[in-house]
Amino acid sequence: MTDLHTEYGPISLNYDPTKYKSKASAAKAFHKALREVCRDMGMNPDIEIFIQTPEQSANAGYGRNWRVCWESGPYQWAVGTSFTAHNLPHWYTEPYYSFDLCFTY
């Protein structure tokens, strides 16, 4: 388990970054867990949350990273979340904006 760090306090995610050896698998698992939180908050994750491959992210001008975005989520959720439990030897996370988390190295 890990938490989203928000202005409202932590929000638990069903996600353990230490289980994943690649950025791709970690980003996909994080995306899935974030969708669950979004749904639990009464939002439609099909509209509110998306994931981009490194190619899609680069083509959009955000660099070659796996990118998970939730623009309607709690204020600056990606900033605080990027500092917790997502920094592993073979990849780490950082926000591009305050509402998207990039999985990079």
N, C-alpha and C. Protein backbone atom coordinates (compact mmCIF):
# COMPACT_ATOMS: atom_id res chain seq x y z
N MET A 1 0.83 -1.19 0.00
CA MET A 1 0.00 0.00 0.00
C MET A 1 0.87 1.25 0.00
N THR A 2 0.44 2.23 -0.69
CA THR A 2 1.08 3.53 -0.67
C THR A 2 -0.02 4.59 -0.63
N ASP A 3 0.36 5.81 -0.38
CA ASP A 3 -0.63 6.88 -0.25
C ASP A 3 -0.41 7.97 -1.28
N LEU A 4 -1.52 8.57 -1.72
CA LEU A 4 -1.47 9.84 -2.42
C LEU A 4 -1.37 10.88 -1.33
N HIS A 5 -0.51 11.83 -1.49
CA HIS A 5 -0.39 12.89 -0.49
C HIS A 5 -1.09 14.13 -1.03
N THR A 6 -2.15 14.54 -0.33
CA THR A 6 -2.99 15.63 -0.80
C THR A 6 -3.18 16.67 0.29
N GLU A 7 -3.78 17.78 -0.09
CA GLU A 7 -4.08 18.84 0.89
C GLU A 7 -5.08 18.37 1.92
N TYR A 8 -5.81 17.29 1.63
CA TYR A 8 -6.80 16.74 2.55
C TYR A 8 -6.22 15.64 3.43
N GLY A 9 -4.95 15.37 3.26
CA GLY A 9 -4.30 14.27 3.97
C GLY A 9 -4.09 13.10 3.02
N PRO A 10 -3.53 12.02 3.52
CA PRO A 10 -3.23 10.88 2.65
C PRO A 10 -4.48 10.13 2.20
N ILE A 11 -4.42 9.64 0.97
CA ILE A 11 -5.46 8.77 0.42
C ILE A 11 -4.78 7.46 0.05
N SER A 12 -5.21 6.37 0.66
CA SER A 12 -4.56 5.07 0.43
C SER A 12 -4.86 4.54 -0.96
N LEU A 13 -3.82 4.00 -1.57
CA LEU A 13 -3.92 3.34 -2.87
C LEU A 13 -3.60 1.86 -2.70
N ASN A 14 -4.22 1.04 -3.48
CA ASN A 14 -3.91 -0.38 -3.52
C ASN A 14 -2.75 -0.57 -4.51
N TYR A 15 -1.56 -0.14 -4.09
CA TYR A 15 -0.40 -0.11 -4.98
C TYR A 15 0.87 -0.18 -4.13
N ASP A 16 1.76 -1.09 -4.48
CA ASP A 16 3.04 -1.23 -3.80
C ASP A 16 4.14 -1.14 -4.84
N PRO A 17 4.83 0.00 -4.93
CA PRO A 17 5.82 0.20 -5.99
C PRO A 17 6.99 -0.77 -5.94
N THR A 18 7.26 -1.36 -4.79
CA THR A 18 8.40 -2.29 -4.69
C THR A 18 8.15 -3.60 -5.42
N LYS A 19 6.94 -3.86 -5.85
CA LYS A 19 6.61 -5.09 -6.58
C LYS A 19 7.03 -5.05 -8.05
N TYR A 20 7.39 -3.87 -8.55
CA TYR A 20 7.58 -3.71 -9.99
C TYR A 20 9.03 -3.44 -10.34
N LYS A 21 9.49 -4.12 -11.38
CA LYS A 21 10.87 -3.98 -11.84
C LYS A 21 11.00 -3.01 -13.00
N SER A 22 9.89 -2.69 -13.64
CA SER A 22 9.97 -1.79 -14.79
C SER A 22 9.04 -0.60 -14.59
N LYS A 23 9.37 0.49 -15.27
CA LYS A 23 8.52 1.68 -15.23
C LYS A 23 7.15 1.36 -15.81
N ALA A 24 7.12 0.58 -16.87
CA ALA A 24 5.86 0.26 -17.53
C ALA A 24 4.91 -0.47 -16.59
N SER A 25 5.40 -1.50 -15.93
CA SER A 25 4.52 -2.27 -15.05
C SER A 25 4.10 -1.43 -13.84
N ALA A 26 5.00 -0.62 -13.31
CA ALA A 26 4.67 0.24 -12.18
C ALA A 26 3.63 1.29 -12.58
N ALA A 27 3.82 1.92 -13.72
CA ALA A 27 2.88 2.95 -14.17
C ALA A 27 1.49 2.35 -14.42
N LYS A 28 1.44 1.19 -15.04
CA LYS A 28 0.15 0.54 -15.31
C LYS A 28 -0.56 0.16 -14.01
N ALA A 29 0.18 -0.35 -13.04
CA ALA A 29 -0.41 -0.69 -11.76
C ALA A 29 -0.87 0.56 -11.00
N PHE A 30 -0.08 1.62 -11.06
CA PHE A 30 -0.45 2.88 -10.42
C PHE A 30 -1.72 3.44 -11.07
N HIS A 31 -1.77 3.39 -12.39
CA HIS A 31 -2.95 3.86 -13.13
C HIS A 31 -4.19 3.10 -12.67
N LYS A 32 -4.09 1.80 -12.57
CA LYS A 32 -5.21 0.97 -12.13
C LYS A 32 -5.66 1.36 -10.72
N ALA A 33 -4.70 1.53 -9.81
CA ALA A 33 -5.02 1.90 -8.43
C ALA A 33 -5.64 3.29 -8.36
N LEU A 34 -5.13 4.22 -9.16
CA LEU A 34 -5.67 5.58 -9.18
C LEU A 34 -7.10 5.60 -9.69
N ARG A 35 -7.39 4.75 -10.66
CA ARG A 35 -8.76 4.64 -11.17
C ARG A 35 -9.72 4.19 -10.07
N GLU A 36 -9.27 3.28 -9.22
CA GLU A 36 -10.11 2.82 -8.10
C GLU A 36 -10.42 3.97 -7.15
N VAL A 37 -9.40 4.77 -6.83
CA VAL A 37 -9.60 5.91 -5.93
C VAL A 37 -10.57 6.92 -6.56
N CYS A 38 -10.38 7.20 -7.82
CA CYS A 38 -11.24 8.13 -8.54
C CYS A 38 -12.70 7.64 -8.48
N ARG A 39 -12.90 6.37 -8.76
CA ARG A 39 -14.25 5.78 -8.72
C ARG A 39 -14.84 5.89 -7.32
N ASP A 40 -14.01 5.58 -6.30
CA ASP A 40 -14.47 5.67 -4.91
C ASP A 40 -14.86 7.09 -4.51
N MET A 41 -14.28 8.08 -5.17
CA MET A 41 -14.60 9.48 -4.89
C MET A 41 -15.82 9.97 -5.67
N GLY A 42 -16.45 9.06 -6.42
CA GLY A 42 -17.66 9.40 -7.16
C GLY A 42 -17.44 9.95 -8.54
N MET A 43 -16.22 9.85 -9.05
CA MET A 43 -15.90 10.35 -10.38
C MET A 43 -15.85 9.19 -11.38
N ASN A 44 -15.86 9.52 -12.65
CA ASN A 44 -15.77 8.52 -13.71
C ASN A 44 -14.31 8.43 -14.18
N PRO A 45 -13.61 7.35 -13.82
CA PRO A 45 -12.20 7.25 -14.21
C PRO A 45 -11.97 7.15 -15.71
N ASP A 46 -12.99 6.74 -16.47
CA ASP A 46 -12.83 6.69 -17.93
C ASP A 46 -12.69 8.09 -18.53
N ILE A 47 -13.20 9.08 -17.82
CA ILE A 47 -13.12 10.46 -18.27
C ILE A 47 -11.98 11.21 -17.57
N GLU A 48 -11.77 10.92 -16.30
CA GLU A 48 -10.87 11.72 -15.46
C GLU A 48 -9.40 11.30 -15.46
N ILE A 49 -9.11 10.05 -15.76
CA ILE A 49 -7.74 9.54 -15.61
C ILE A 49 -7.28 8.90 -16.92
N PHE A 50 -6.02 9.18 -17.29
CA PHE A 50 -5.46 8.50 -18.46
C PHE A 50 -3.99 8.17 -18.23
N ILE A 51 -3.50 7.28 -19.05
CA ILE A 51 -2.09 6.89 -19.01
C ILE A 51 -1.53 7.06 -20.42
N GLN A 52 -0.28 7.50 -20.51
CA GLN A 52 0.39 7.63 -21.80
C GLN A 52 1.66 6.79 -21.80
N THR A 53 1.91 6.15 -22.92
CA THR A 53 3.18 5.44 -23.12
C THR A 53 4.28 6.48 -23.30
N PRO A 54 5.55 6.08 -23.24
CA PRO A 54 6.63 7.04 -23.50
C PRO A 54 6.51 7.73 -24.87
N GLU A 55 6.07 6.98 -25.87
CA GLU A 55 5.91 7.57 -27.20
C GLU A 55 4.80 8.61 -27.21
N GLN A 56 3.65 8.28 -26.61
CA GLN A 56 2.54 9.22 -26.56
C GLN A 56 2.92 10.47 -25.77
N SER A 57 3.61 10.27 -24.66
CA SER A 57 4.03 11.39 -23.82
C SER A 57 5.01 12.30 -24.57
N ALA A 58 5.98 11.70 -25.26
CA ALA A 58 6.95 12.49 -26.04
C ALA A 58 6.27 13.25 -27.16
N ASN A 59 5.35 12.58 -27.85
CA ASN A 59 4.62 13.24 -28.95
C ASN A 59 3.78 14.42 -28.46
N ALA A 60 3.35 14.37 -27.20
CA ALA A 60 2.56 15.46 -26.63
C ALA A 60 3.45 16.54 -26.03
N GLY A 61 4.77 16.33 -26.03
CA GLY A 61 5.70 17.34 -25.54
C GLY A 61 6.08 17.22 -24.07
N TYR A 62 5.84 16.05 -23.46
CA TYR A 62 6.10 15.87 -22.03
C TYR A 62 7.30 14.99 -21.73
N GLY A 63 8.10 14.66 -22.70
CA GLY A 63 9.25 13.80 -22.49
C GLY A 63 8.89 12.33 -22.62
N ARG A 64 9.92 11.50 -22.72
CA ARG A 64 9.72 10.05 -22.91
C ARG A 64 9.56 9.36 -21.56
N ASN A 65 8.38 9.44 -21.00
CA ASN A 65 8.08 8.83 -19.71
C ASN A 65 6.72 8.15 -19.78
N TRP A 66 6.53 7.17 -18.94
CA TRP A 66 5.17 6.70 -18.69
C TRP A 66 4.53 7.80 -17.86
N ARG A 67 3.35 8.27 -18.25
CA ARG A 67 2.71 9.41 -17.60
C ARG A 67 1.28 9.06 -17.22
N VAL A 68 0.96 9.22 -15.94
CA VAL A 68 -0.39 8.98 -15.43
C VAL A 68 -0.96 10.33 -15.00
N CYS A 69 -2.12 10.68 -15.53
CA CYS A 69 -2.69 12.01 -15.31
C CYS A 69 -4.09 11.93 -14.70
N TRP A 70 -4.32 12.79 -13.70
CA TRP A 70 -5.64 12.96 -13.08
C TRP A 70 -5.81 14.44 -12.78
N GLU A 71 -6.24 15.20 -13.78
CA GLU A 71 -6.35 16.65 -13.65
C GLU A 71 -7.40 17.07 -12.64
N SER A 72 -8.45 16.29 -12.47
CA SER A 72 -9.54 16.66 -11.55
C SER A 72 -9.33 16.10 -10.15
N GLY A 73 -8.17 15.52 -9.89
CA GLY A 73 -7.88 14.95 -8.57
C GLY A 73 -7.61 16.02 -7.53
N PRO A 74 -7.34 15.61 -6.31
CA PRO A 74 -7.03 16.58 -5.25
C PRO A 74 -5.85 17.47 -5.65
N TYR A 75 -5.90 18.71 -5.20
CA TYR A 75 -4.91 19.72 -5.55
C TYR A 75 -3.48 19.22 -5.31
N GLN A 76 -2.67 19.27 -6.33
CA GLN A 76 -1.25 18.90 -6.32
C GLN A 76 -0.98 17.49 -5.80
N TRP A 77 -1.87 16.55 -6.06
CA TRP A 77 -1.68 15.18 -5.58
C TRP A 77 -0.36 14.58 -6.06
N ALA A 78 0.07 14.90 -7.27
CA ALA A 78 1.28 14.27 -7.82
C ALA A 78 2.56 14.78 -7.18
N VAL A 79 2.55 16.00 -6.68
CA VAL A 79 3.76 16.57 -6.08
C VAL A 79 4.15 15.81 -4.83
N GLY A 80 3.25 15.73 -3.86
CA GLY A 80 3.54 15.02 -2.63
C GLY A 80 3.74 13.53 -2.85
N THR A 81 2.97 12.97 -3.75
CA THR A 81 3.07 11.54 -4.02
C THR A 81 4.42 11.18 -4.63
N SER A 82 4.99 12.07 -5.41
CA SER A 82 6.26 11.77 -6.07
C SER A 82 7.41 11.58 -5.08
N PHE A 83 7.26 12.11 -3.88
CA PHE A 83 8.33 12.00 -2.88
C PHE A 83 8.25 10.75 -2.03
N THR A 84 7.22 9.95 -2.19
CA THR A 84 7.01 8.81 -1.30
C THR A 84 7.04 7.49 -2.04
N ALA A 85 7.90 6.63 -1.62
CA ALA A 85 7.91 5.22 -2.03
C ALA A 85 7.89 4.98 -3.53
N HIS A 86 8.19 5.95 -4.32
CA HIS A 86 8.22 5.74 -5.76
C HIS A 86 9.63 5.89 -6.32
N ASN A 87 10.59 6.02 -5.47
CA ASN A 87 11.96 6.21 -5.92
C ASN A 87 12.75 4.94 -5.66
N LEU A 88 12.90 4.15 -6.71
CA LEU A 88 13.55 2.85 -6.63
C LEU A 88 14.81 2.87 -7.49
N PRO A 89 15.69 1.90 -7.32
CA PRO A 89 16.96 1.92 -8.06
C PRO A 89 16.82 1.96 -9.58
N HIS A 90 15.78 1.37 -10.15
CA HIS A 90 15.66 1.27 -11.60
C HIS A 90 14.62 2.23 -12.20
N TRP A 91 13.94 3.01 -11.39
CA TRP A 91 13.03 4.04 -11.87
C TRP A 91 12.60 4.91 -10.69
N TYR A 92 12.07 6.07 -11.02
CA TYR A 92 11.53 6.95 -10.00
C TYR A 92 10.38 7.75 -10.61
N THR A 93 9.65 8.48 -9.77
CA THR A 93 8.55 9.29 -10.27
C THR A 93 8.81 10.76 -10.00
N GLU A 94 8.22 11.57 -10.86
CA GLU A 94 8.24 13.01 -10.64
C GLU A 94 7.04 13.60 -11.37
N PRO A 95 6.48 14.68 -10.84
CA PRO A 95 5.35 15.30 -11.53
C PRO A 95 5.83 16.13 -12.71
N TYR A 96 5.04 16.17 -13.77
CA TYR A 96 5.31 17.13 -14.83
C TYR A 96 4.59 18.42 -14.46
N TYR A 97 3.31 18.30 -14.20
CA TYR A 97 2.52 19.35 -13.56
C TYR A 97 2.16 18.80 -12.18
N SER A 98 1.27 19.43 -11.48
CA SER A 98 0.91 18.95 -10.15
C SER A 98 -0.16 17.87 -10.19
N PHE A 99 -0.63 17.53 -11.40
CA PHE A 99 -1.71 16.56 -11.54
C PHE A 99 -1.33 15.36 -12.42
N ASP A 100 -0.06 15.20 -12.71
CA ASP A 100 0.36 14.02 -13.45
C ASP A 100 1.69 13.51 -12.90
N LEU A 101 1.82 12.21 -12.89
CA LEU A 101 3.01 11.58 -12.35
C LEU A 101 3.74 10.85 -13.47
N CYS A 102 5.00 11.19 -13.67
CA CYS A 102 5.81 10.56 -14.71
C CYS A 102 6.70 9.49 -14.08
N PHE A 103 6.75 8.36 -14.69
CA PHE A 103 7.62 7.26 -14.27
C PHE A 103 8.82 7.30 -15.20
N THR A 104 9.99 7.54 -14.64
CA THR A 104 11.18 7.82 -15.43
C THR A 104 12.42 7.23 -14.77
N TYR A 105 13.59 7.47 -15.36
CA TYR A 105 14.88 7.14 -14.73
C TYR A 105 15.95 8.06 -15.21
